[in-house]
N, C-alpha and C. Protein backbone atom coordinates (compact mmCIF):
# COMPACT_ATOMS: atom_id res chain seq x y z
N UNK A 1 105.22 -10.45 57.23
CA UNK A 1 105.95 -10.04 56.05
C UNK A 1 106.54 -11.27 55.36
N UNK A 2 106.32 -11.40 54.08
CA UNK A 2 106.79 -12.54 53.32
C UNK A 2 108.21 -12.28 52.83
N UNK A 3 109.07 -13.28 53.02
CA UNK A 3 110.44 -13.18 52.54
C UNK A 3 110.46 -13.29 51.02
N UNK A 4 111.19 -12.39 50.36
CA UNK A 4 111.32 -12.40 48.90
C UNK A 4 112.11 -13.64 48.47
N UNK A 5 111.58 -14.31 47.48
CA UNK A 5 112.28 -15.47 46.93
C UNK A 5 113.51 -15.00 46.17
N UNK A 6 114.57 -15.77 46.23
CA UNK A 6 115.76 -15.47 45.46
C UNK A 6 115.51 -15.65 43.98
N UNK A 7 116.33 -15.02 43.17
CA UNK A 7 116.23 -15.14 41.73
C UNK A 7 117.59 -15.52 41.16
N UNK A 8 117.58 -16.51 40.29
CA UNK A 8 118.79 -17.00 39.64
C UNK A 8 118.54 -17.04 38.13
N UNK A 9 119.62 -17.03 37.37
CA UNK A 9 119.55 -17.32 35.94
C UNK A 9 120.38 -18.57 35.69
N UNK A 10 119.94 -19.33 34.68
CA UNK A 10 120.63 -20.60 34.40
C UNK A 10 120.65 -20.84 32.90
N UNK A 11 121.56 -21.70 32.50
CA UNK A 11 121.65 -22.11 31.11
C UNK A 11 122.23 -23.50 31.04
N UNK A 12 121.79 -24.29 30.05
CA UNK A 12 122.33 -25.61 29.79
C UNK A 12 123.11 -25.58 28.49
N UNK A 13 124.14 -26.40 28.43
CA UNK A 13 124.81 -26.74 27.18
C UNK A 13 124.47 -28.20 26.93
N UNK A 14 124.07 -28.52 25.71
CA UNK A 14 123.60 -29.87 25.41
C UNK A 14 124.30 -30.42 24.18
N UNK A 15 124.25 -31.75 24.06
CA UNK A 15 124.78 -32.38 22.86
C UNK A 15 123.75 -32.26 21.75
N UNK A 16 124.20 -32.38 20.52
CA UNK A 16 123.29 -32.33 19.38
C UNK A 16 123.13 -33.70 18.73
N UNK A 17 123.78 -34.71 19.29
CA UNK A 17 123.69 -36.07 18.77
C UNK A 17 122.34 -36.67 19.14
N UNK A 18 121.53 -37.05 18.14
CA UNK A 18 120.19 -37.58 18.41
C UNK A 18 120.24 -38.87 19.22
N UNK A 19 121.36 -39.60 19.20
CA UNK A 19 121.50 -40.83 19.98
C UNK A 19 122.09 -40.59 21.36
N UNK A 20 122.49 -39.36 21.64
CA UNK A 20 123.09 -39.03 22.94
C UNK A 20 122.71 -37.60 23.32
N UNK A 21 121.42 -37.30 23.33
CA UNK A 21 120.94 -35.96 23.62
C UNK A 21 120.86 -35.78 25.13
N UNK A 22 121.68 -34.88 25.68
CA UNK A 22 121.75 -34.71 27.13
C UNK A 22 122.38 -33.36 27.47
N UNK A 23 122.22 -32.98 28.72
CA UNK A 23 122.89 -31.79 29.26
C UNK A 23 124.31 -32.21 29.63
N UNK A 24 125.31 -31.54 29.07
CA UNK A 24 126.69 -31.85 29.43
C UNK A 24 127.33 -30.75 30.28
N UNK A 25 126.63 -29.62 30.42
CA UNK A 25 127.14 -28.55 31.28
C UNK A 25 125.98 -27.65 31.67
N UNK A 26 126.08 -27.08 32.87
CA UNK A 26 125.09 -26.09 33.31
C UNK A 26 125.80 -24.97 34.04
N UNK A 27 125.16 -23.82 34.03
CA UNK A 27 125.60 -22.68 34.82
C UNK A 27 124.40 -22.07 35.50
N UNK A 28 124.58 -21.64 36.73
CA UNK A 28 123.50 -21.08 37.54
C UNK A 28 124.09 -19.96 38.37
N UNK A 29 123.48 -18.76 38.33
CA UNK A 29 124.03 -17.62 39.06
C UNK A 29 122.92 -16.79 39.68
N UNK A 30 123.16 -16.30 40.89
CA UNK A 30 122.22 -15.41 41.56
C UNK A 30 122.14 -14.08 40.81
N UNK A 31 120.94 -13.56 40.67
CA UNK A 31 120.75 -12.26 40.03
C UNK A 31 121.26 -11.15 40.95
N UNK A 32 121.07 -11.31 42.24
CA UNK A 32 121.42 -10.26 43.20
C UNK A 32 122.88 -10.28 43.64
N UNK A 33 123.54 -11.43 43.54
CA UNK A 33 124.91 -11.55 44.02
C UNK A 33 125.68 -12.47 43.08
N UNK A 34 126.47 -11.90 42.19
CA UNK A 34 127.17 -12.69 41.19
C UNK A 34 128.28 -13.54 41.77
N UNK A 35 128.56 -13.40 43.06
CA UNK A 35 129.51 -14.29 43.72
C UNK A 35 128.87 -15.63 44.07
N UNK A 36 127.55 -15.72 43.96
CA UNK A 36 126.83 -16.96 44.26
C UNK A 36 126.47 -17.61 42.93
N UNK A 37 127.18 -18.70 42.61
CA UNK A 37 126.95 -19.39 41.35
C UNK A 37 127.34 -20.85 41.48
N UNK A 38 126.90 -21.64 40.52
CA UNK A 38 127.27 -23.04 40.45
C UNK A 38 127.42 -23.41 38.99
N UNK A 39 128.46 -24.16 38.68
CA UNK A 39 128.64 -24.71 37.35
C UNK A 39 128.92 -26.19 37.51
N UNK A 40 128.50 -26.96 36.54
CA UNK A 40 128.73 -28.39 36.62
C UNK A 40 128.42 -29.07 35.31
N UNK A 41 128.50 -30.39 35.34
CA UNK A 41 128.32 -31.17 34.12
C UNK A 41 127.28 -32.28 34.26
N UNK A 42 126.45 -32.20 35.29
CA UNK A 42 125.52 -33.28 35.55
C UNK A 42 124.13 -32.72 35.86
N UNK A 43 123.13 -33.15 35.11
CA UNK A 43 121.77 -32.66 35.33
C UNK A 43 121.23 -33.07 36.70
N UNK A 44 121.60 -34.25 37.19
CA UNK A 44 121.18 -34.66 38.53
C UNK A 44 121.69 -33.68 39.58
N UNK A 45 122.94 -33.28 39.45
CA UNK A 45 123.54 -32.32 40.37
C UNK A 45 122.81 -30.97 40.31
N UNK A 46 122.49 -30.53 39.10
CA UNK A 46 121.76 -29.28 38.92
C UNK A 46 120.41 -29.34 39.62
N UNK A 47 119.66 -30.41 39.41
CA UNK A 47 118.33 -30.53 39.99
C UNK A 47 118.39 -30.64 41.52
N UNK A 48 119.40 -31.32 42.05
CA UNK A 48 119.57 -31.40 43.50
C UNK A 48 119.87 -30.01 44.08
N UNK A 49 120.70 -29.24 43.40
CA UNK A 49 121.02 -27.89 43.84
C UNK A 49 119.77 -27.00 43.81
N UNK A 50 118.96 -27.14 42.76
CA UNK A 50 117.72 -26.37 42.66
C UNK A 50 116.76 -26.72 43.79
N UNK A 51 116.73 -27.98 44.19
CA UNK A 51 115.87 -28.39 45.31
C UNK A 51 116.33 -27.72 46.60
N UNK A 52 117.62 -27.60 46.79
CA UNK A 52 118.14 -26.92 47.98
C UNK A 52 117.81 -25.43 47.96
N UNK A 53 117.86 -24.81 46.78
CA UNK A 53 117.61 -23.37 46.66
C UNK A 53 116.14 -23.01 46.91
N UNK A 54 115.24 -23.79 46.35
CA UNK A 54 113.80 -23.49 46.44
C UNK A 54 113.54 -22.02 46.08
N UNK A 55 113.83 -21.68 44.84
CA UNK A 55 113.82 -20.29 44.41
C UNK A 55 113.26 -20.18 42.99
N UNK A 56 113.33 -19.00 42.40
CA UNK A 56 112.93 -18.79 41.00
C UNK A 56 114.19 -18.79 40.14
N UNK A 57 114.15 -19.58 39.06
CA UNK A 57 115.31 -19.72 38.19
C UNK A 57 114.86 -19.42 36.76
N UNK A 58 115.53 -18.47 36.13
CA UNK A 58 115.16 -18.00 34.81
C UNK A 58 116.08 -18.58 33.74
N UNK A 59 115.48 -19.02 32.64
CA UNK A 59 116.20 -19.50 31.46
C UNK A 59 115.85 -18.60 30.28
N UNK A 60 116.79 -18.42 29.35
CA UNK A 60 116.52 -17.66 28.13
C UNK A 60 115.68 -18.47 27.15
N UNK A 61 115.84 -19.79 27.16
CA UNK A 61 115.09 -20.64 26.25
C UNK A 61 114.46 -21.78 27.05
N UNK A 62 113.42 -21.47 27.80
CA UNK A 62 112.81 -22.47 28.67
C UNK A 62 112.20 -23.62 27.87
N UNK A 63 111.70 -23.34 26.68
CA UNK A 63 111.10 -24.42 25.89
C UNK A 63 112.13 -25.51 25.62
N UNK A 64 113.35 -25.14 25.28
CA UNK A 64 114.39 -26.14 25.01
C UNK A 64 114.96 -26.71 26.31
N UNK A 65 115.50 -25.84 27.17
CA UNK A 65 116.12 -26.32 28.40
C UNK A 65 115.10 -26.97 29.33
N UNK A 66 113.88 -26.44 29.33
CA UNK A 66 112.83 -27.00 30.18
C UNK A 66 112.45 -28.41 29.79
N UNK A 67 112.61 -28.76 28.51
CA UNK A 67 112.29 -30.13 28.10
C UNK A 67 113.20 -31.13 28.79
N UNK A 68 114.46 -30.76 29.05
CA UNK A 68 115.36 -31.63 29.80
C UNK A 68 114.92 -31.73 31.26
N UNK A 69 114.45 -30.63 31.81
CA UNK A 69 113.97 -30.63 33.20
C UNK A 69 112.73 -31.52 33.33
N UNK A 70 111.76 -31.35 32.45
CA UNK A 70 110.54 -32.16 32.52
C UNK A 70 110.86 -33.64 32.35
N UNK A 71 111.74 -33.96 31.41
CA UNK A 71 112.15 -35.35 31.22
C UNK A 71 112.79 -35.89 32.50
N UNK A 72 113.67 -35.10 33.12
CA UNK A 72 114.32 -35.52 34.36
C UNK A 72 113.28 -35.75 35.46
N UNK A 73 112.30 -34.86 35.57
CA UNK A 73 111.27 -35.00 36.60
C UNK A 73 110.51 -36.31 36.44
N UNK A 74 110.07 -36.62 35.23
CA UNK A 74 109.36 -37.89 35.00
C UNK A 74 110.25 -39.09 35.34
N UNK A 75 111.51 -39.02 34.97
CA UNK A 75 112.43 -40.15 35.22
C UNK A 75 112.80 -40.30 36.70
N UNK A 76 112.50 -39.29 37.49
CA UNK A 76 112.89 -39.32 38.90
C UNK A 76 111.69 -39.30 39.84
N UNK A 77 110.57 -39.82 39.41
CA UNK A 77 109.44 -40.07 40.28
C UNK A 77 108.47 -38.93 40.49
N UNK A 78 108.63 -37.82 39.77
CA UNK A 78 107.67 -36.72 39.87
C UNK A 78 106.53 -36.99 38.88
N UNK A 79 105.37 -36.46 39.18
CA UNK A 79 104.24 -36.58 38.26
C UNK A 79 103.62 -35.21 38.06
N UNK A 80 102.93 -35.05 36.93
CA UNK A 80 102.27 -33.79 36.62
C UNK A 80 100.99 -33.67 37.43
N UNK A 81 100.75 -32.48 38.01
CA UNK A 81 99.52 -32.23 38.75
C UNK A 81 99.24 -30.74 38.77
N UNK A 82 97.98 -30.38 38.55
CA UNK A 82 97.59 -28.97 38.69
C UNK A 82 97.46 -28.57 40.15
N UNK A 83 97.40 -29.55 41.04
CA UNK A 83 97.34 -29.29 42.48
C UNK A 83 98.74 -29.55 43.04
N UNK A 84 99.31 -28.60 43.82
CA UNK A 84 100.70 -28.72 44.26
C UNK A 84 100.92 -29.73 45.39
N UNK A 85 100.86 -31.00 45.04
CA UNK A 85 101.17 -32.07 45.99
C UNK A 85 102.68 -32.30 46.01
N UNK A 86 103.21 -32.90 47.08
CA UNK A 86 104.63 -33.24 47.09
C UNK A 86 105.01 -34.14 45.91
N UNK A 87 106.20 -33.92 45.38
CA UNK A 87 106.76 -34.68 44.25
C UNK A 87 105.91 -34.57 42.98
N UNK A 88 105.42 -33.35 42.74
CA UNK A 88 104.69 -33.08 41.51
C UNK A 88 105.28 -31.85 40.83
N UNK A 89 104.86 -31.63 39.62
CA UNK A 89 105.22 -30.41 38.91
C UNK A 89 104.05 -30.01 38.04
N UNK A 90 104.04 -28.74 37.66
CA UNK A 90 103.08 -28.27 36.68
C UNK A 90 103.78 -27.29 35.76
N UNK A 91 103.17 -27.07 34.62
CA UNK A 91 103.77 -26.19 33.62
C UNK A 91 102.75 -25.18 33.13
N UNK A 92 103.26 -24.08 32.61
CA UNK A 92 102.43 -23.13 31.89
C UNK A 92 103.02 -23.05 30.49
N UNK A 93 102.31 -23.69 29.54
CA UNK A 93 102.74 -23.76 28.15
C UNK A 93 101.54 -23.37 27.30
N UNK A 94 101.74 -22.42 26.41
CA UNK A 94 100.63 -21.95 25.58
C UNK A 94 100.29 -22.96 24.49
N UNK A 95 99.15 -22.75 23.85
CA UNK A 95 98.74 -23.59 22.74
C UNK A 95 99.71 -23.48 21.58
N UNK A 96 100.47 -22.39 21.54
CA UNK A 96 101.46 -22.19 20.48
C UNK A 96 102.85 -22.69 20.91
N UNK A 97 102.88 -23.49 21.98
CA UNK A 97 104.10 -24.11 22.51
C UNK A 97 105.10 -23.09 23.06
N UNK A 98 104.60 -21.99 23.59
CA UNK A 98 105.45 -21.04 24.32
C UNK A 98 105.51 -21.52 25.77
N UNK A 99 106.71 -21.78 26.25
CA UNK A 99 106.90 -22.24 27.63
C UNK A 99 107.11 -21.03 28.52
N UNK A 100 106.29 -20.89 29.56
CA UNK A 100 106.39 -19.77 30.48
C UNK A 100 106.95 -20.17 31.85
N UNK A 101 106.56 -21.36 32.34
CA UNK A 101 107.06 -21.77 33.66
C UNK A 101 106.91 -23.26 33.87
N UNK A 102 107.76 -23.75 34.79
CA UNK A 102 107.67 -25.11 35.32
C UNK A 102 107.81 -24.95 36.82
N UNK A 103 106.80 -25.36 37.57
CA UNK A 103 106.88 -25.30 39.03
C UNK A 103 107.05 -26.72 39.55
N UNK A 104 108.13 -26.94 40.31
CA UNK A 104 108.43 -28.25 40.89
C UNK A 104 108.15 -28.17 42.38
N UNK A 105 107.23 -29.01 42.85
CA UNK A 105 106.86 -29.02 44.26
C UNK A 105 107.53 -30.22 44.93
N UNK A 106 108.36 -29.93 45.95
CA UNK A 106 109.08 -30.97 46.66
C UNK A 106 108.28 -31.47 47.86
N UNK A 107 107.57 -30.56 48.49
CA UNK A 107 106.83 -30.88 49.70
C UNK A 107 105.87 -29.73 49.98
N UNK A 108 105.16 -29.80 51.10
CA UNK A 108 104.33 -28.68 51.55
C UNK A 108 104.72 -28.37 52.99
N UNK A 109 104.55 -27.10 53.37
CA UNK A 109 104.85 -26.74 54.75
C UNK A 109 103.65 -27.06 55.64
N UNK A 110 103.74 -26.74 56.91
CA UNK A 110 102.68 -27.09 57.87
C UNK A 110 101.34 -26.48 57.51
N UNK A 111 101.35 -25.35 56.84
CA UNK A 111 100.09 -24.71 56.45
C UNK A 111 99.60 -25.15 55.07
N UNK A 112 100.32 -26.09 54.44
CA UNK A 112 99.91 -26.61 53.15
C UNK A 112 100.44 -25.87 51.94
N UNK A 113 101.26 -24.83 52.17
CA UNK A 113 101.86 -24.11 51.04
C UNK A 113 102.98 -24.94 50.42
N UNK A 114 103.08 -24.89 49.08
CA UNK A 114 104.12 -25.70 48.43
C UNK A 114 105.52 -25.19 48.70
N UNK A 115 106.43 -26.12 48.93
CA UNK A 115 107.86 -25.84 48.99
C UNK A 115 108.36 -26.19 47.60
N UNK A 116 108.82 -25.18 46.85
CA UNK A 116 109.03 -25.40 45.43
C UNK A 116 110.14 -24.56 44.83
N UNK A 117 110.52 -24.97 43.63
CA UNK A 117 111.37 -24.19 42.74
C UNK A 117 110.56 -23.93 41.48
N UNK A 118 110.66 -22.71 40.97
CA UNK A 118 109.96 -22.38 39.73
C UNK A 118 110.99 -21.98 38.67
N UNK A 119 110.90 -22.64 37.52
CA UNK A 119 111.72 -22.29 36.36
C UNK A 119 110.87 -21.42 35.46
N UNK A 120 111.43 -20.29 35.02
CA UNK A 120 110.67 -19.32 34.22
C UNK A 120 111.49 -18.89 33.01
N UNK A 121 110.79 -18.33 32.02
CA UNK A 121 111.50 -17.80 30.86
C UNK A 121 111.85 -16.34 31.13
N UNK A 122 113.10 -15.99 30.93
CA UNK A 122 113.58 -14.67 31.28
C UNK A 122 112.97 -13.56 30.43
N UNK A 123 112.78 -13.78 29.17
CA UNK A 123 112.32 -12.71 28.29
C UNK A 123 110.89 -12.28 28.58
N UNK A 124 110.14 -13.07 29.30
CA UNK A 124 108.77 -12.71 29.63
C UNK A 124 108.70 -11.88 30.92
N UNK A 125 109.85 -11.74 31.60
CA UNK A 125 109.85 -11.07 32.89
C UNK A 125 110.77 -9.86 32.97
N UNK A 126 111.91 -9.94 32.29
CA UNK A 126 112.86 -8.85 32.30
C UNK A 126 113.05 -8.33 30.89
N UNK A 127 113.19 -7.04 30.76
CA UNK A 127 113.39 -6.44 29.45
C UNK A 127 114.83 -5.97 29.27
N UNK A 128 115.75 -6.55 30.04
CA UNK A 128 117.14 -6.17 29.94
C UNK A 128 118.00 -7.42 30.14
N UNK A 129 119.27 -7.33 29.75
CA UNK A 129 120.18 -8.45 29.90
C UNK A 129 120.57 -8.58 31.37
N UNK A 130 120.50 -9.81 31.89
CA UNK A 130 120.83 -10.04 33.30
C UNK A 130 122.32 -10.22 33.52
N UNK A 131 122.95 -10.96 32.65
CA UNK A 131 124.39 -11.23 32.84
C UNK A 131 125.10 -10.99 31.52
């Protein structure tokens, strides 16, 4: 029996200054237990927490927020790969620039399955407000 992956929702607050475009705040909360959440002001901290969770994380605007994640991945030694090797990521983005997912692979288990976090767009999966 496969253990169900946890589900979280997240959001970034960002600056609008073209010379200082960055995440200045984040919020992350479990869908199943609203007592489990994290808030902070550092994208590095957010990404480290996501690595510990190894779960599915939903954003309302993955195209915008995901661009900060992809930028962070490139700046921190990850590379794009369609094959889930350690320290890689892949994306599902349509030709019309609709962002559906970003899968970040940290490692593989003994059987070769990826140990990963997946960022997804919430509106493509749920038809109701989560929080």
